[in-house]
Amino acid sequence: MLFQFNIQGAFLCADVDSDIFLKLPPGYEPGPGKTAKLRKQLYGLKQAPMAFHALIEKWMLKYGFK
């Protein structure tokens, strides 16, 4: 039974379904031309609400919600 849900951190649970790359922050220099690839959603991404909805819908159907 689900009693509590952290909605503030919910968007961070969904996987990224497309390739999204970031520039590395200043001070982190592993080599020329290096970037960071996102594996999970971040706040502010346009895709975050839709990815979270797909994740929670899949979870709810798995556990018998309709």
C-alpha atoms as a PDB file:
ATOM      1  CA  MET A   1       0.000   0.000   0.000  1.00  0.00           C
ATOM      2  CA  LEU A   2       1.295   3.440  -0.924  1.00  0.00           C
ATOM      3  CA  PHE A   3       1.108   5.924   1.968  1.00  0.00           C
ATOM      4  CA  GLN A   4       3.445   8.667   0.855  1.00  0.00           C
ATOM      5  CA  PHE A   5       5.007   9.966  -2.356  1.00  0.00           C
ATOM      6  CA  ASN A   6       7.756  12.582  -2.768  1.00  0.00           C
ATOM      7  CA  ILE A   7       6.374  14.638  -5.639  1.00  0.00           C
ATOM      8  CA  GLN A   8       9.205  17.209  -5.454  1.00  0.00           C
ATOM      9  CA  GLY A   9      11.797  14.603  -6.435  1.00  0.00           C
ATOM     10  CA  ALA A  10       9.503  12.658  -8.746  1.00  0.00           C
ATOM     11  CA  PHE A  11      10.774  14.122 -12.012  1.00  0.00           C
ATOM     12  CA  LEU A  12      14.289  12.962 -11.182  1.00  0.00           C
ATOM     13  CA  CYS A  13      13.262   9.286 -11.236  1.00  0.00           C
ATOM     14  CA  ALA A  14      12.391   8.996 -14.911  1.00  0.00           C
ATOM     15  CA  ASP A  15      14.961   7.876 -17.464  1.00  0.00           C
ATOM     16  CA  VAL A  16      15.876  10.087 -20.410  1.00  0.00           C
ATOM     17  CA  ASP A  17      14.458   8.675 -23.648  1.00  0.00           C
ATOM     18  CA  SER A  18      16.657  10.720 -26.000  1.00  0.00           C
ATOM     19  CA  ASP A  19      20.303  11.772 -26.054  1.00  0.00           C
ATOM     20  CA  ILE A  20      20.843  14.957 -24.028  1.00  0.00           C
ATOM     21  CA  PHE A  21      24.391  16.250 -23.587  1.00  0.00           C
ATOM     22  CA  LEU A  22      25.687  18.990 -21.285  1.00  0.00           C
ATOM     23  CA  LYS A  23      28.856  21.009 -21.217  1.00  0.00           C
ATOM     24  CA  LEU A  24      30.981  20.150 -18.214  1.00  0.00           C
ATOM     25  CA  PRO A  25      31.123  22.763 -15.443  1.00  0.00           C
ATOM     26  CA  PRO A  26      34.183  25.005 -15.012  1.00  0.00           C
ATOM     27  CA  GLY A  27      36.942  23.292 -13.068  1.00  0.00           C
ATOM     28  CA  TYR A  28      36.179  19.843 -14.435  1.00  0.00           C
ATOM     29  CA  GLU A  29      38.458  19.300 -17.416  1.00  0.00           C
ATOM     30  CA  PRO A  30      38.845  15.598 -18.322  1.00  0.00           C
ATOM     31  CA  GLY A  31      39.924  16.379 -21.897  1.00  0.00           C
ATOM     32  CA  PRO A  32      39.088  18.445 -24.959  1.00  0.00           C
ATOM     33  CA  GLY A  33      35.649  17.944 -26.456  1.00  0.00           C
ATOM     34  CA  LYS A  34      34.270  15.975 -23.494  1.00  0.00           C
ATOM     35  CA  THR A  35      30.623  16.343 -22.495  1.00  0.00           C
ATOM     36  CA  ALA A  36      28.250  14.775 -19.988  1.00  0.00           C
ATOM     37  CA  LYS A  37      25.307  12.640 -21.107  1.00  0.00           C
ATOM     38  CA  LEU A  38      22.164  12.679 -18.952  1.00  0.00           C
ATOM     39  CA  ARG A  39      20.817   9.333 -17.771  1.00  0.00           C
ATOM     40  CA  LYS A  40      17.959  10.711 -15.616  1.00  0.00           C
ATOM     41  CA  GLN A  41      15.666  13.705 -16.016  1.00  0.00           C
ATOM     42  CA  LEU A  42      16.459  17.139 -14.590  1.00  0.00           C
ATOM     43  CA  TYR A  43      14.162  19.893 -13.410  1.00  0.00           C
ATOM     44  CA  GLY A  44      13.438  22.330 -16.204  1.00  0.00           C
ATOM     45  CA  LEU A  45      13.692  19.904 -19.111  1.00  0.00           C
ATOM     46  CA  LYS A  46      10.697  20.053 -21.430  1.00  0.00           C
ATOM     47  CA  GLN A  47      10.566  16.246 -21.501  1.00  0.00           C
ATOM     48  CA  ALA A  48      10.528  15.777 -17.695  1.00  0.00           C
ATOM     49  CA  PRO A  49       6.743  15.929 -17.087  1.00  0.00           C
ATOM     50  CA  MET A  50       5.946  13.553 -19.954  1.00  0.00           C
ATOM     51  CA  ALA A  51       8.690  11.095 -18.938  1.00  0.00           C
ATOM     52  CA  PHE A  52       7.459  11.110 -15.332  1.00  0.00           C
ATOM     53  CA  HIS A  53       3.867  10.552 -16.452  1.00  0.00           C
ATOM     54  CA  ALA A  54       4.928   7.541 -18.543  1.00  0.00           C
ATOM     55  CA  LEU A  55       6.906   6.136 -15.598  1.00  0.00           C
ATOM     56  CA  ILE A  56       4.100   6.513 -13.040  1.00  0.00           C
ATOM     57  CA  GLU A  57       1.477   5.219 -15.501  1.00  0.00           C
ATOM     58  CA  LYS A  58       3.562   2.089 -16.140  1.00  0.00           C
ATOM     59  CA  TRP A  59       4.046   1.560 -12.396  1.00  0.00           C
ATOM     60  CA  MET A  60       0.346   2.025 -11.597  1.00  0.00           C
ATOM     61  CA  LEU A  61      -0.767  -0.405 -14.315  1.00  0.00           C
ATOM     62  CA  LYS A  62       1.783  -2.948 -13.089  1.00  0.00           C
ATOM     63  CA  TYR A  63       0.289  -2.828  -9.596  1.00  0.00           C
ATOM     64  CA  GLY A  64      -3.344  -3.101 -10.728  1.00  0.00           C
ATOM     65  CA  PHE A  65      -4.501   0.514 -10.843  1.00  0.00           C
ATOM     66  CA  LYS A  66      -6.840   1.414 -13.697  1.00  0.00           C
END
